[in-house]
């Protein structure tokens, strides 16, 4: 049984207040995962509290520290990376600005608003 999706395409949406990540492989298989808004906000606060210099953080560390499911924390973390809220250097995440929480919420709400038009 194949478990990875080579040449995958990842898209994000906001549905029913949840951040939804859909992954589609080149073979047409898809899977969808959700992150609740409350967990998204917890991850955004954790990113905001991460020093812009130093050791940085990871999705796994945030999930453990915040006591949230790793899959949901990872969805939020990856979305923030894609949207430039979170910068990655040497496999460690750093906030892109001193207003990372606000930036993360703008991206979440902009995506939600774009879909309601």
Protein backbone atom coordinates (compact mmCIF):
# COMPACT_ATOMS: atom_id res chain seq x y z
CA UNK A 1 0.00 0.00 0.00
CA UNK A 2 1.38 3.40 -0.99
CA UNK A 3 1.33 5.90 1.83
CA UNK A 4 2.98 9.00 0.36
CA UNK A 5 1.67 11.35 -2.29
CA UNK A 6 4.43 12.20 -4.77
CA UNK A 7 4.20 15.56 -6.55
CA UNK A 8 1.41 16.61 -4.24
CA UNK A 9 -0.59 19.81 -4.37
CA UNK A 10 -1.68 21.39 -1.10
CA UNK A 11 -4.55 23.87 -0.86
CA UNK A 12 -6.10 25.65 2.10
CA UNK A 13 -9.66 26.80 2.71
CA UNK A 14 -11.76 28.00 5.61
CA UNK A 15 -14.94 25.96 5.98
CA UNK A 16 -17.38 26.23 8.88
CA UNK A 17 -14.79 28.19 10.87
CA UNK A 18 -12.07 25.59 10.42
CA UNK A 19 -8.84 25.88 8.45
CA UNK A 20 -8.94 22.96 6.01
CA UNK A 21 -5.88 21.55 4.23
CA UNK A 22 -6.51 19.36 1.19
CA UNK A 23 -3.63 17.41 -0.31
CA UNK A 24 -3.92 15.94 -3.79
CA UNK A 25 -1.34 13.54 -5.21
CA UNK A 26 -0.38 13.20 -8.85
CA UNK A 27 -2.35 9.95 -8.90
CA UNK A 28 -5.55 11.80 -7.98
CA UNK A 29 -5.79 10.59 -4.39
CA UNK A 30 -6.72 13.27 -1.88
CA UNK A 31 -6.99 13.66 1.84
CA UNK A 32 -8.36 16.48 3.93
CA UNK A 33 -7.49 17.58 7.46
CA UNK A 34 -9.00 20.31 9.65
CA UNK A 35 -7.76 22.73 12.29
CA UNK A 36 -10.26 24.47 14.54
CA UNK A 37 -10.08 28.23 14.84
CA UNK A 38 -9.26 28.02 18.57
CA UNK A 39 -6.25 25.81 17.88
CA UNK A 40 -5.23 28.04 14.97
CA UNK A 41 -5.29 31.02 17.34
CA UNK A 42 -3.26 29.11 19.96
CA UNK A 43 -0.61 28.30 17.34
CA UNK A 44 -0.63 31.93 16.15
CA UNK A 45 -0.03 33.13 19.73
CA UNK A 46 2.80 30.60 20.14
CA UNK A 47 4.42 31.81 16.92
CA UNK A 48 4.00 35.42 18.06
CA UNK A 49 5.73 34.61 21.37
CA UNK A 50 8.69 32.96 19.63
CA UNK A 51 11.76 35.24 19.65
CA UNK A 52 12.74 36.45 16.19
CA UNK A 53 16.31 35.36 16.96
CA UNK A 54 17.51 32.30 18.81
CA UNK A 55 16.38 28.70 18.47
CA UNK A 56 13.02 29.24 16.79
CA UNK A 57 10.29 26.65 17.07
CA UNK A 58 8.57 23.81 15.22
CA UNK A 59 5.00 22.62 14.79
CA UNK A 60 5.71 19.64 17.01
CA UNK A 61 7.07 21.84 19.81
CA UNK A 62 4.07 24.15 19.60
CA UNK A 63 1.65 21.21 19.75
CA UNK A 64 3.39 19.79 22.81
CA UNK A 65 3.70 23.18 24.58
CA UNK A 66 0.09 24.22 23.87
CA UNK A 67 -1.35 20.74 24.53
CA UNK A 68 -3.09 20.55 21.16
CA UNK A 69 -3.21 17.72 18.57
CA UNK A 70 -0.11 17.71 16.38
CA UNK A 71 -2.05 17.37 13.12
CA UNK A 72 -4.07 20.51 13.80
CA UNK A 73 -1.01 22.46 14.95
CA UNK A 74 0.83 21.33 11.81
CA UNK A 75 -1.98 22.54 9.54
CA UNK A 76 -1.84 25.99 11.15
CA UNK A 77 1.98 26.03 11.11
CA UNK A 78 2.17 25.08 7.42
CA UNK A 79 -0.47 27.66 6.48
CA UNK A 80 1.47 30.36 8.31
CA UNK A 81 4.62 29.30 6.47
CA UNK A 82 2.84 29.46 3.12
CA UNK A 83 1.43 32.92 3.87
CA UNK A 84 4.75 34.38 5.06
CA UNK A 85 3.73 34.80 8.69
CA UNK A 86 6.36 32.26 9.69
CA UNK A 87 9.85 32.12 8.21
CA UNK A 88 11.91 28.93 8.22
CA UNK A 89 15.66 28.91 8.65
CA UNK A 90 17.53 25.64 9.19
CA UNK A 91 14.22 23.79 9.71
CA UNK A 92 13.19 26.13 12.55
CA UNK A 93 10.27 28.57 12.44
CA UNK A 94 10.55 32.26 13.32
CA UNK A 95 7.88 34.98 13.23
CA UNK A 96 8.25 37.17 10.14
CA UNK A 97 7.26 40.30 12.07
CA UNK A 98 6.60 41.59 15.57
CA UNK A 99 2.87 41.32 14.82
CA UNK A 100 2.80 37.62 13.92
CA UNK A 101 -0.51 36.91 15.69
CA UNK A 102 -2.26 39.76 13.90
CA UNK A 103 -0.67 38.73 10.59
CA UNK A 104 -1.85 35.14 11.09
CA UNK A 105 -5.40 36.27 11.82
CA UNK A 106 -5.44 38.59 8.80
CA UNK A 107 -4.46 35.64 6.58
CA UNK A 108 -7.09 33.36 8.14
CA UNK A 109 -9.86 35.94 7.83
CA UNK A 110 -8.80 36.98 4.31
CA UNK A 111 -9.03 33.36 3.18
CA UNK A 112 -12.43 32.99 4.84
CA UNK A 113 -13.65 36.23 3.26
CA UNK A 114 -12.34 35.36 -0.18
CA UNK A 115 -14.42 32.21 -0.17
CA UNK A 116 -17.64 33.95 0.84
CA UNK A 117 -17.59 36.31 -2.15
